[in-house]
Amino acid sequence: MGLSKKMNIDINSIINDHLRTIEKLLDDKIVIEQICSIALSTIQKGNTILLCGNGGSASDSIHISSEIVGKFEKKRKALPSISLTANQADLTAIANDFGFEHIFSRQIEAIGKKGDLLIAISTSGNSMNIVKAIEAAKSKKMEVIIFTGKDGGKINSFNNCTKLKVQTDNVARIQEAHILIGHIISKYIEENI
């Protein structure tokens, strides 16, 4: 069975762009190792990894959290992680009562503890709810890891955070790299816990 319509996209170009973006992550190997170490240390100390993001990054935060709580490649004990994007009741109540920019920070105020880790995911780095989440986490003396792309946007200005900026402006390639880093974190935790 053949295609009934001519492809009007260049699949080779898309795949090659993906490969170039992923290959550039090798330049950030030391940062990726630091991220893995921070995540493992958080779990080993009995603390929780919290994640947040918008749109595709919201889905990525749920995906990564599920790999940590459930399992990645091996059966092992459940580990503490939660995606702040997963509870629709919290999200809609907070957005309605306090404003959309507070949907994550309000949850961090409620459950975040000193020593917990926030992984804040934003392809542009300009989402106000991510900015406020980082501020709330820092006020709770939580560790903060930032996944972004492009120039890092507004969240690039935060100090004392571990930052991974995917070296492209293409949102799809940034998200693909973020989920790969999430899988690397999950594997590292699983192999070392």
N, C-alpha and C. Protein backbone atom coordinates (compact mmCIF):
# COMPACT_ATOMS: atom_id res chain seq x y z
N MET A 1 0.85 -1.17 0.00
CA MET A 1 0.00 0.00 0.00
C MET A 1 0.90 1.24 0.00
N GLY A 2 0.78 2.09 -1.01
CA GLY A 2 1.59 3.28 -1.13
C GLY A 2 0.91 4.49 -0.54
N LEU A 3 1.66 5.58 -0.49
CA LEU A 3 1.09 6.83 -0.02
C LEU A 3 0.15 7.39 -1.07
N SER A 4 -0.99 7.85 -0.65
CA SER A 4 -1.95 8.40 -1.62
C SER A 4 -1.60 9.84 -1.96
N LYS A 5 -0.75 10.45 -1.16
CA LYS A 5 -0.40 11.84 -1.37
C LYS A 5 1.12 11.98 -1.28
N LYS A 6 1.69 12.87 -2.05
CA LYS A 6 3.12 13.10 -2.02
C LYS A 6 3.50 13.74 -0.67
N MET A 7 4.59 13.25 -0.07
CA MET A 7 5.09 13.84 1.17
C MET A 7 5.57 15.26 0.88
N ASN A 8 5.15 16.22 1.68
CA ASN A 8 5.60 17.59 1.47
C ASN A 8 6.52 18.06 2.61
N ILE A 9 7.12 17.07 3.28
CA ILE A 9 8.13 17.37 4.29
C ILE A 9 9.37 16.56 3.96
N ASP A 10 10.51 17.00 4.47
CA ASP A 10 11.76 16.32 4.23
C ASP A 10 12.13 15.52 5.48
N ILE A 11 11.76 14.26 5.49
CA ILE A 11 11.99 13.40 6.65
C ILE A 11 13.48 13.30 6.96
N ASN A 12 14.31 13.16 5.92
CA ASN A 12 15.76 13.09 6.14
C ASN A 12 16.27 14.32 6.86
N SER A 13 15.80 15.47 6.44
CA SER A 13 16.24 16.73 7.05
C SER A 13 15.84 16.79 8.53
N ILE A 14 14.61 16.36 8.84
CA ILE A 14 14.14 16.38 10.23
C ILE A 14 14.99 15.44 11.09
N ILE A 15 15.23 14.24 10.60
CA ILE A 15 16.02 13.27 11.37
C ILE A 15 17.46 13.76 11.52
N ASN A 16 18.04 14.30 10.46
CA ASN A 16 19.41 14.81 10.55
C ASN A 16 19.51 15.99 11.50
N ASP A 17 18.49 16.85 11.53
CA ASP A 17 18.48 17.97 12.47
C ASP A 17 18.42 17.44 13.90
N HIS A 18 17.59 16.42 14.12
CA HIS A 18 17.51 15.78 15.44
C HIS A 18 18.88 15.24 15.85
N LEU A 19 19.53 14.52 14.96
CA LEU A 19 20.83 13.92 15.27
C LEU A 19 21.88 14.98 15.60
N ARG A 20 21.90 16.08 14.84
CA ARG A 20 22.85 17.17 15.13
C ARG A 20 22.60 17.77 16.51
N THR A 21 21.32 17.97 16.86
CA THR A 21 20.98 18.55 18.16
C THR A 21 21.39 17.61 19.28
N ILE A 22 21.09 16.34 19.15
CA ILE A 22 21.43 15.37 20.18
C ILE A 22 22.95 15.24 20.30
N GLU A 23 23.65 15.26 19.18
CA GLU A 23 25.12 15.17 19.23
C GLU A 23 25.73 16.35 19.99
N LYS A 24 25.13 17.52 19.88
CA LYS A 24 25.63 18.70 20.61
C LYS A 24 25.53 18.53 22.12
N LEU A 25 24.65 17.61 22.59
CA LEU A 25 24.56 17.35 24.03
C LEU A 25 25.86 16.81 24.59
N LEU A 26 26.68 16.21 23.74
CA LEU A 26 27.98 15.72 24.20
C LEU A 26 28.84 16.87 24.73
N ASP A 27 28.63 18.09 24.22
CA ASP A 27 29.35 19.26 24.72
C ASP A 27 28.95 19.59 26.16
N ASP A 28 27.77 19.10 26.57
CA ASP A 28 27.23 19.37 27.91
C ASP A 28 27.32 18.16 28.82
N LYS A 29 28.21 17.23 28.50
CA LYS A 29 28.31 15.98 29.27
C LYS A 29 28.57 16.25 30.76
N ILE A 30 29.42 17.21 31.07
CA ILE A 30 29.73 17.50 32.48
C ILE A 30 28.49 18.02 33.20
N VAL A 31 27.72 18.89 32.55
CA VAL A 31 26.48 19.40 33.15
C VAL A 31 25.48 18.25 33.34
N ILE A 32 25.37 17.37 32.36
CA ILE A 32 24.46 16.23 32.46
C ILE A 32 24.87 15.34 33.63
N GLU A 33 26.16 15.12 33.80
CA GLU A 33 26.65 14.33 34.93
C GLU A 33 26.29 15.01 36.26
N GLN A 34 26.43 16.34 36.32
CA GLN A 34 26.07 17.08 37.54
C GLN A 34 24.58 16.93 37.83
N ILE A 35 23.76 17.03 36.79
CA ILE A 35 22.30 16.88 36.95
C ILE A 35 21.97 15.50 37.50
N CYS A 36 22.59 14.47 36.93
CA CYS A 36 22.35 13.11 37.40
C CYS A 36 22.76 12.96 38.87
N SER A 37 23.89 13.53 39.23
CA SER A 37 24.38 13.44 40.60
C SER A 37 23.45 14.15 41.58
N ILE A 38 22.96 15.32 41.20
CA ILE A 38 22.02 16.07 42.05
C ILE A 38 20.73 15.27 42.24
N ALA A 39 20.22 14.71 41.16
CA ALA A 39 18.96 13.93 41.23
C ALA A 39 19.14 12.70 42.14
N LEU A 40 20.22 11.97 41.96
CA LEU A 40 20.47 10.80 42.79
C LEU A 40 20.63 11.19 44.26
N SER A 41 21.40 12.23 44.51
CA SER A 41 21.62 12.69 45.88
C SER A 41 20.30 13.09 46.55
N THR A 42 19.42 13.72 45.80
CA THR A 42 18.10 14.11 46.32
C THR A 42 17.35 12.88 46.82
N ILE A 43 17.31 11.84 46.00
CA ILE A 43 16.62 10.60 46.36
C ILE A 43 17.30 9.92 47.55
N GLN A 44 18.64 9.86 47.51
CA GLN A 44 19.38 9.18 48.58
C GLN A 44 19.17 9.85 49.94
N LYS A 45 18.93 11.15 49.94
CA LYS A 45 18.71 11.88 51.20
C LYS A 45 17.26 11.80 51.67
N GLY A 46 16.43 11.08 50.92
CA GLY A 46 15.03 10.93 51.30
C GLY A 46 14.15 12.09 50.88
N ASN A 47 14.64 12.88 49.93
CA ASN A 47 13.87 14.00 49.43
C ASN A 47 13.18 13.64 48.12
N THR A 48 12.44 14.59 47.58
CA THR A 48 11.57 14.36 46.42
C THR A 48 12.02 15.20 45.23
N ILE A 49 11.90 14.63 44.03
CA ILE A 49 12.13 15.36 42.79
C ILE A 49 10.78 15.85 42.28
N LEU A 50 10.62 17.18 42.19
CA LEU A 50 9.42 17.80 41.63
C LEU A 50 9.76 18.31 40.24
N LEU A 51 8.82 18.19 39.31
CA LEU A 51 9.05 18.66 37.94
C LEU A 51 7.87 19.50 37.49
N CYS A 52 8.13 20.45 36.58
CA CYS A 52 7.04 21.23 36.00
C CYS A 52 7.42 21.73 34.62
N GLY A 53 6.40 22.02 33.83
CA GLY A 53 6.58 22.54 32.48
C GLY A 53 5.22 22.83 31.87
N ASN A 54 5.20 23.48 30.74
CA ASN A 54 3.97 23.83 30.02
C ASN A 54 3.90 23.06 28.71
N GLY A 55 2.69 22.71 28.27
CA GLY A 55 2.51 22.06 26.97
C GLY A 55 3.26 20.76 26.86
N GLY A 56 4.09 20.64 25.82
CA GLY A 56 4.90 19.44 25.65
C GLY A 56 5.84 19.22 26.83
N SER A 57 6.33 20.31 27.42
CA SER A 57 7.20 20.19 28.59
C SER A 57 6.44 19.69 29.81
N ALA A 58 5.13 19.97 29.88
CA ALA A 58 4.30 19.41 30.95
C ALA A 58 4.25 17.89 30.80
N SER A 59 4.05 17.44 29.57
CA SER A 59 4.04 16.00 29.31
C SER A 59 5.39 15.38 29.62
N ASP A 60 6.46 16.09 29.28
CA ASP A 60 7.81 15.59 29.59
C ASP A 60 8.00 15.46 31.09
N SER A 61 7.49 16.43 31.85
CA SER A 61 7.65 16.37 33.31
C SER A 61 6.90 15.17 33.89
N ILE A 62 5.74 14.87 33.35
CA ILE A 62 4.98 13.68 33.79
C ILE A 62 5.74 12.41 33.41
N HIS A 63 6.23 12.37 32.20
CA HIS A 63 6.96 11.21 31.69
C HIS A 63 8.18 10.92 32.57
N ILE A 64 9.00 11.94 32.82
CA ILE A 64 10.21 11.74 33.62
C ILE A 64 9.86 11.31 35.04
N SER A 65 8.86 11.95 35.64
CA SER A 65 8.44 11.58 36.99
C SER A 65 7.99 10.13 37.05
N SER A 66 7.26 9.69 36.03
CA SER A 66 6.78 8.30 36.04
C SER A 66 7.92 7.29 35.93
N GLU A 67 8.98 7.65 35.23
CA GLU A 67 10.15 6.77 35.13
C GLU A 67 10.82 6.61 36.50
N ILE A 68 10.80 7.69 37.29
CA ILE A 68 11.44 7.67 38.61
C ILE A 68 10.56 6.92 39.62
N VAL A 69 9.27 7.23 39.63
CA VAL A 69 8.37 6.59 40.59
C VAL A 69 8.18 5.11 40.26
N GLY A 70 7.88 4.82 39.01
CA GLY A 70 7.60 3.43 38.60
C GLY A 70 8.88 2.65 38.41
N LYS A 71 9.37 2.68 37.20
CA LYS A 71 10.66 2.06 36.88
C LYS A 71 11.08 2.58 35.52
N PHE A 72 12.37 2.49 35.26
CA PHE A 72 12.88 2.85 33.94
C PHE A 72 13.14 1.56 33.16
N GLU A 73 14.18 0.83 33.55
CA GLU A 73 14.49 -0.43 32.86
C GLU A 73 14.47 -1.64 33.81
N LYS A 74 14.49 -1.40 35.10
CA LYS A 74 14.58 -2.50 36.07
C LYS A 74 13.47 -2.40 37.10
N LYS A 75 13.07 -3.54 37.62
CA LYS A 75 12.16 -3.54 38.76
C LYS A 75 12.98 -3.15 39.98
N ARG A 76 12.47 -2.20 40.74
CA ARG A 76 13.13 -1.73 41.96
C ARG A 76 12.11 -1.00 42.79
N LYS A 77 12.50 -0.56 43.98
CA LYS A 77 11.55 0.13 44.85
C LYS A 77 11.09 1.43 44.20
N ALA A 78 9.91 1.87 44.55
CA ALA A 78 9.38 3.15 44.08
C ALA A 78 10.21 4.28 44.67
N LEU A 79 10.41 5.32 43.90
CA LEU A 79 11.21 6.46 44.35
C LEU A 79 10.36 7.74 44.30
N PRO A 80 10.64 8.71 45.17
CA PRO A 80 9.77 9.88 45.30
C PRO A 80 9.98 10.95 44.22
N SER A 81 8.97 11.12 43.41
CA SER A 81 8.95 12.16 42.39
C SER A 81 7.51 12.51 42.09
N ILE A 82 7.27 13.76 41.72
CA ILE A 82 5.92 14.19 41.35
C ILE A 82 6.02 15.28 40.29
N SER A 83 5.13 15.19 39.31
CA SER A 83 5.01 16.26 38.32
C SER A 83 3.92 17.22 38.79
N LEU A 84 4.27 18.47 38.91
CA LEU A 84 3.31 19.49 39.34
C LEU A 84 2.29 19.81 38.27
N THR A 85 2.42 19.20 37.10
CA THR A 85 1.47 19.43 36.01
C THR A 85 0.37 18.38 35.97
N ALA A 86 0.43 17.37 36.85
CA ALA A 86 -0.42 16.20 36.71
C ALA A 86 -1.79 16.30 37.38
N ASN A 87 -1.98 17.24 38.29
CA ASN A 87 -3.24 17.31 39.02
C ASN A 87 -4.10 18.45 38.46
N GLN A 88 -5.08 18.10 37.64
CA GLN A 88 -5.92 19.11 36.98
C GLN A 88 -6.70 19.95 37.98
N ALA A 89 -7.14 19.34 39.07
CA ALA A 89 -7.91 20.11 40.06
C ALA A 89 -7.04 21.20 40.67
N ASP A 90 -5.80 20.85 41.06
CA ASP A 90 -4.89 21.87 41.60
C ASP A 90 -4.63 22.96 40.57
N LEU A 91 -4.30 22.56 39.35
CA LEU A 91 -3.96 23.53 38.31
C LEU A 91 -5.10 24.51 38.05
N THR A 92 -6.31 23.98 37.90
CA THR A 92 -7.43 24.86 37.56
C THR A 92 -7.86 25.72 38.76
N ALA A 93 -7.82 25.15 39.96
CA ALA A 93 -8.19 25.94 41.15
C ALA A 93 -7.20 27.08 41.37
N ILE A 94 -5.89 26.76 41.28
CA ILE A 94 -4.87 27.79 41.50
C ILE A 94 -4.95 28.85 40.40
N ALA A 95 -5.09 28.42 39.15
CA ALA A 95 -5.18 29.37 38.04
C ALA A 95 -6.38 30.29 38.22
N ASN A 96 -7.50 29.72 38.63
CA ASN A 96 -8.72 30.50 38.81
C ASN A 96 -8.61 31.48 39.98
N ASP A 97 -8.05 31.02 41.10
CA ASP A 97 -8.05 31.82 42.31
C ASP A 97 -6.84 32.74 42.45
N PHE A 98 -5.70 32.36 41.84
CA PHE A 98 -4.46 33.14 42.03
C PHE A 98 -3.83 33.61 40.74
N GLY A 99 -4.21 33.02 39.61
CA GLY A 99 -3.61 33.37 38.32
C GLY A 99 -2.74 32.24 37.81
N PHE A 100 -2.71 32.10 36.49
CA PHE A 100 -1.99 30.99 35.86
C PHE A 100 -0.50 31.00 36.20
N GLU A 101 0.05 32.18 36.43
CA GLU A 101 1.49 32.26 36.72
C GLU A 101 1.86 31.62 38.06
N HIS A 102 0.86 31.27 38.88
CA HIS A 102 1.12 30.69 40.20
C HIS A 102 0.82 29.18 40.28
N ILE A 103 0.51 28.54 39.15
CA ILE A 103 0.06 27.14 39.21
C ILE A 103 1.12 26.19 39.78
N PHE A 104 2.38 26.50 39.59
CA PHE A 104 3.43 25.63 40.13
C PHE A 104 3.97 26.15 41.46
N SER A 105 4.15 27.45 41.56
CA SER A 105 4.72 28.01 42.79
C SER A 105 3.84 27.74 44.00
N ARG A 106 2.54 27.78 43.81
CA ARG A 106 1.61 27.52 44.92
C ARG A 106 1.76 26.07 45.41
N GLN A 107 1.94 25.14 44.48
CA GLN A 107 2.14 23.74 44.87
C GLN A 107 3.48 23.55 45.58
N ILE A 108 4.50 24.26 45.12
CA ILE A 108 5.80 24.18 45.78
C ILE A 108 5.70 24.74 47.20
N GLU A 109 4.96 25.84 47.36
CA GLU A 109 4.74 26.39 48.71
C GLU A 109 4.08 25.34 49.61
N ALA A 110 3.19 24.53 49.05
CA ALA A 110 2.45 23.53 49.83
C ALA A 110 3.28 22.31 50.17
N ILE A 111 4.04 21.78 49.22
CA ILE A 111 4.69 20.49 49.45
C ILE A 111 6.21 20.51 49.36
N GLY A 112 6.80 21.56 48.83
CA GLY A 112 8.25 21.61 48.68
C GLY A 112 8.95 21.71 50.03
N LYS A 113 10.09 21.01 50.14
CA LYS A 113 10.86 21.05 51.37
C LYS A 113 12.33 21.33 51.04
N LYS A 114 13.03 21.89 52.01
CA LYS A 114 14.47 22.09 51.87
C LYS A 114 15.09 20.74 51.51
N GLY A 115 15.94 20.74 50.51
CA GLY A 115 16.59 19.51 50.06
C GLY A 115 15.88 18.81 48.92
N ASP A 116 14.61 19.17 48.66
CA ASP A 116 13.93 18.65 47.48
C ASP A 116 14.57 19.26 46.23
N LEU A 117 14.26 18.69 45.10
CA LEU A 117 14.79 19.16 43.82
C LEU A 117 13.64 19.55 42.91
N LEU A 118 13.74 20.72 42.30
CA LEU A 118 12.81 21.13 41.25
C LEU A 118 13.53 21.04 39.92
N ILE A 119 12.95 20.29 38.98
CA ILE A 119 13.41 20.31 37.59
C ILE A 119 12.38 21.12 36.82
N ALA A 120 12.76 22.33 36.41
CA ALA A 120 11.88 23.27 35.71
C ALA A 120 12.19 23.19 34.22
N ILE A 121 11.18 22.87 33.42
CA ILE A 121 11.38 22.64 31.98
C ILE A 121 10.64 23.72 31.19
N SER A 122 11.38 24.44 30.35
CA SER A 122 10.77 25.48 29.51
C SER A 122 11.61 25.63 28.25
N THR A 123 11.03 25.37 27.10
CA THR A 123 11.80 25.48 25.86
C THR A 123 12.25 26.91 25.60
N SER A 124 11.41 27.88 25.92
CA SER A 124 11.75 29.29 25.68
C SER A 124 12.47 29.91 26.87
N GLY A 125 12.16 29.41 28.07
CA GLY A 125 12.71 30.01 29.29
C GLY A 125 11.97 31.27 29.71
N ASN A 126 10.84 31.55 29.11
CA ASN A 126 10.12 32.80 29.39
C ASN A 126 8.77 32.63 30.06
N SER A 127 8.39 31.42 30.42
CA SER A 127 7.08 31.18 31.03
C SER A 127 7.07 31.71 32.47
N MET A 128 6.13 32.62 32.76
CA MET A 128 6.09 33.22 34.10
C MET A 128 5.80 32.19 35.18
N ASN A 129 5.00 31.17 34.87
CA ASN A 129 4.74 30.17 35.91
C ASN A 129 6.00 29.37 36.24
N ILE A 130 6.91 29.22 35.29
CA ILE A 130 8.19 28.55 35.55
C ILE A 130 9.11 29.49 36.35
N VAL A 131 9.13 30.77 35.98
CA VAL A 131 9.92 31.76 36.73
C VAL A 131 9.49 31.74 38.20
N LYS A 132 8.18 31.79 38.44
CA LYS A 132 7.67 31.82 39.81
C LYS A 132 7.92 30.50 40.54
N ALA A 133 7.89 29.39 39.81
CA ALA A 133 8.21 28.09 40.42
C ALA A 133 9.65 28.07 40.91
N ILE A 134 10.56 28.59 40.11
CA ILE A 134 11.97 28.63 40.50
C ILE A 134 12.14 29.53 41.72
N GLU A 135 11.48 30.68 41.70
CA GLU A 135 11.56 31.59 42.86
C GLU A 135 11.05 30.90 44.13
N ALA A 136 9.93 30.19 44.03
CA ALA A 136 9.36 29.49 45.19
C ALA A 136 10.30 28.40 45.68
N ALA A 137 10.89 27.66 44.75
CA ALA A 137 11.81 26.58 45.13
C ALA A 137 13.05 27.14 45.82
N LYS A 138 13.57 28.23 45.29
CA LYS A 138 14.75 28.84 45.90
C LYS A 138 14.42 29.37 47.30
N SER A 139 13.22 29.91 47.48
CA SER A 139 12.83 30.43 48.80
C SER A 139 12.70 29.29 49.82
N LYS A 140 12.43 28.07 49.33
CA LYS A 140 12.32 26.88 50.20
C LYS A 140 13.67 26.19 50.36
N LYS A 141 14.73 26.77 49.76
CA LYS A 141 16.07 26.18 49.79
C LYS A 141 16.12 24.80 49.12
N MET A 142 15.38 24.70 48.04
CA MET A 142 15.40 23.49 47.22
C MET A 142 16.51 23.63 46.18
N GLU A 143 17.01 22.50 45.72
CA GLU A 143 17.91 22.49 44.56
C GLU A 143 17.06 22.79 43.33
N VAL A 144 17.64 23.45 42.33
CA VAL A 144 16.90 23.75 41.10
C VAL A 144 17.76 23.38 39.89
N ILE A 145 17.15 22.61 39.00
CA ILE A 145 17.73 22.30 37.69
C ILE A 145 16.80 22.89 36.65
N ILE A 146 17.37 23.56 35.67
CA ILE A 146 16.59 24.19 34.60
C ILE A 146 16.95 23.54 33.28
N PHE A 147 15.91 23.06 32.57
CA PHE A 147 16.06 22.56 31.20
C PHE A 147 15.44 23.62 30.29
N THR A 148 16.20 24.12 29.34
CA THR A 148 15.67 25.09 28.40
C THR A 148 16.36 24.90 27.05
N GLY A 149 16.17 25.85 26.19
CA GLY A 149 16.81 25.84 24.88
C GLY A 149 17.06 27.28 24.48
N LYS A 150 17.33 27.47 23.22
CA LYS A 150 17.53 28.81 22.67
C LYS A 150 18.56 29.55 23.49
N ASP A 151 18.21 30.76 23.96
CA ASP A 151 19.15 31.55 24.78
C ASP A 151 18.86 31.41 26.27
N GLY A 152 17.91 30.56 26.62
CA GLY A 152 17.58 30.35 28.03
C GLY A 152 16.49 31.28 28.54
N GLY A 153 16.19 32.33 27.82
CA GLY A 153 15.12 33.25 28.21
C GLY A 153 15.31 33.86 29.58
N LYS A 154 14.21 34.23 30.20
CA LYS A 154 14.23 34.90 31.52
C LYS A 154 14.84 34.00 32.59
N ILE A 155 14.59 32.70 32.51
CA ILE A 155 15.09 31.82 33.58
C ILE A 155 16.60 31.64 33.52
N ASN A 156 17.22 32.07 32.44
CA ASN A 156 18.68 32.00 32.35
C ASN A 156 19.34 32.94 33.36
N SER A 157 18.59 33.94 33.84
CA SER A 157 19.17 34.93 34.76
C SER A 157 19.27 34.41 36.20
N PHE A 158 18.65 33.27 36.51
CA PHE A 158 18.74 32.72 37.86
C PHE A 158 20.15 32.22 38.15
N ASN A 159 20.65 32.57 39.33
CA ASN A 159 21.95 32.08 39.78
C ASN A 159 21.75 30.87 40.68
N ASN A 160 22.82 30.16 40.94
CA ASN A 160 22.81 29.00 41.84
C ASN A 160 21.81 27.94 41.40
N CYS A 161 21.66 27.78 40.10
CA CYS A 161 20.84 26.72 39.52
C CYS A 161 21.73 25.98 38.52
N THR A 162 21.47 24.70 38.35
CA THR A 162 22.17 23.95 37.32
C THR A 162 21.32 24.05 36.06
N LYS A 163 21.94 24.51 34.96
CA LYS A 163 21.18 24.80 33.74
C LYS A 163 21.67 23.95 32.58
N LEU A 164 20.71 23.41 31.84
CA LEU A 164 21.01 22.72 30.60
C LEU A 164 20.25 23.42 29.49
N LYS A 165 20.99 24.09 28.60
CA LYS A 165 20.38 24.77 27.46
C LYS A 165 20.67 23.96 26.21
N VAL A 166 19.64 23.43 25.59
CA VAL A 166 19.79 22.68 24.34
C VAL A 166 20.11 23.68 23.24
N GLN A 167 21.13 23.38 22.47
CA GLN A 167 21.70 24.34 21.52
C GLN A 167 20.96 24.37 20.18
N THR A 168 19.70 24.81 20.24
CA THR A 168 18.92 24.99 19.02
C THR A 168 17.74 25.91 19.33
N ASP A 169 17.16 26.50 18.30
CA ASP A 169 15.94 27.30 18.44
C ASP A 169 14.70 26.49 18.11
N ASN A 170 14.87 25.26 17.63
CA ASN A 170 13.75 24.43 17.19
C ASN A 170 13.10 23.77 18.40
N VAL A 171 11.84 24.13 18.68
CA VAL A 171 11.15 23.65 19.88
C VAL A 171 11.07 22.12 19.91
N ALA A 172 10.76 21.50 18.79
CA ALA A 172 10.65 20.04 18.75
C ALA A 172 11.98 19.38 19.11
N ARG A 173 13.09 19.91 18.58
CA ARG A 173 14.40 19.33 18.88
C ARG A 173 14.76 19.54 20.35
N ILE A 174 14.38 20.70 20.92
CA ILE A 174 14.64 20.97 22.33
C ILE A 174 13.91 19.94 23.18
N GLN A 175 12.63 19.71 22.89
CA GLN A 175 11.84 18.76 23.66
C GLN A 175 12.38 17.34 23.53
N GLU A 176 12.82 16.97 22.33
CA GLU A 176 13.40 15.64 22.14
C GLU A 176 14.66 15.47 22.98
N ALA A 177 15.47 16.52 23.07
CA ALA A 177 16.68 16.47 23.89
C ALA A 177 16.33 16.41 25.38
N HIS A 178 15.31 17.17 25.80
CA HIS A 178 14.91 17.15 27.21
C HIS A 178 14.48 15.76 27.65
N ILE A 179 13.73 15.07 26.82
CA ILE A 179 13.27 13.74 27.23
C ILE A 179 14.44 12.76 27.26
N LEU A 180 15.41 12.93 26.38
CA LEU A 180 16.62 12.10 26.44
C LEU A 180 17.35 12.32 27.76
N ILE A 181 17.49 13.57 28.17
CA ILE A 181 18.15 13.87 29.45
C ILE A 181 17.34 13.26 30.60
N GLY A 182 16.03 13.33 30.53
CA GLY A 182 15.19 12.69 31.54
C GLY A 182 15.44 11.20 31.62
N HIS A 183 15.63 10.55 30.47
CA HIS A 183 15.92 9.12 30.46
C HIS A 183 17.31 8.83 31.03
N ILE A 184 18.26 9.70 30.75
CA ILE A 184 19.60 9.52 31.31
C ILE A 184 19.56 9.64 32.83
N ILE A 185 18.84 10.65 33.34
CA ILE A 185 18.67 10.80 34.80
C ILE A 185 18.05 9.55 35.39
N SER A 186 16.98 9.06 34.76
CA SER A 186 16.27 7.88 35.26
C SER A 186 17.19 6.67 35.30
N LYS A 187 17.96 6.48 34.25
CA LYS A 187 18.88 5.33 34.21
C LYS A 187 19.96 5.48 35.28
N TYR A 188 20.50 6.67 35.44
CA TYR A 188 21.56 6.91 36.43
C TYR A 188 21.04 6.61 37.84
N ILE A 189 19.87 7.12 38.15
CA ILE A 189 19.29 6.86 39.47
C ILE A 189 19.09 5.36 39.67
N GLU A 190 18.52 4.71 38.67
CA GLU A 190 18.21 3.29 38.77
C GLU A 190 19.46 2.42 38.94
N GLU A 191 20.53 2.80 38.28
CA GLU A 191 21.77 2.01 38.35
C GLU A 191 22.54 2.27 39.64
N ASN A 192 22.25 3.37 40.33
CA ASN A 192 23.07 3.75 41.48
C ASN A 192 22.33 3.78 42.81
N ILE A 193 21.04 3.53 42.79
CA ILE A 193 20.26 3.63 44.05
C ILE A 193 20.52 2.40 44.92
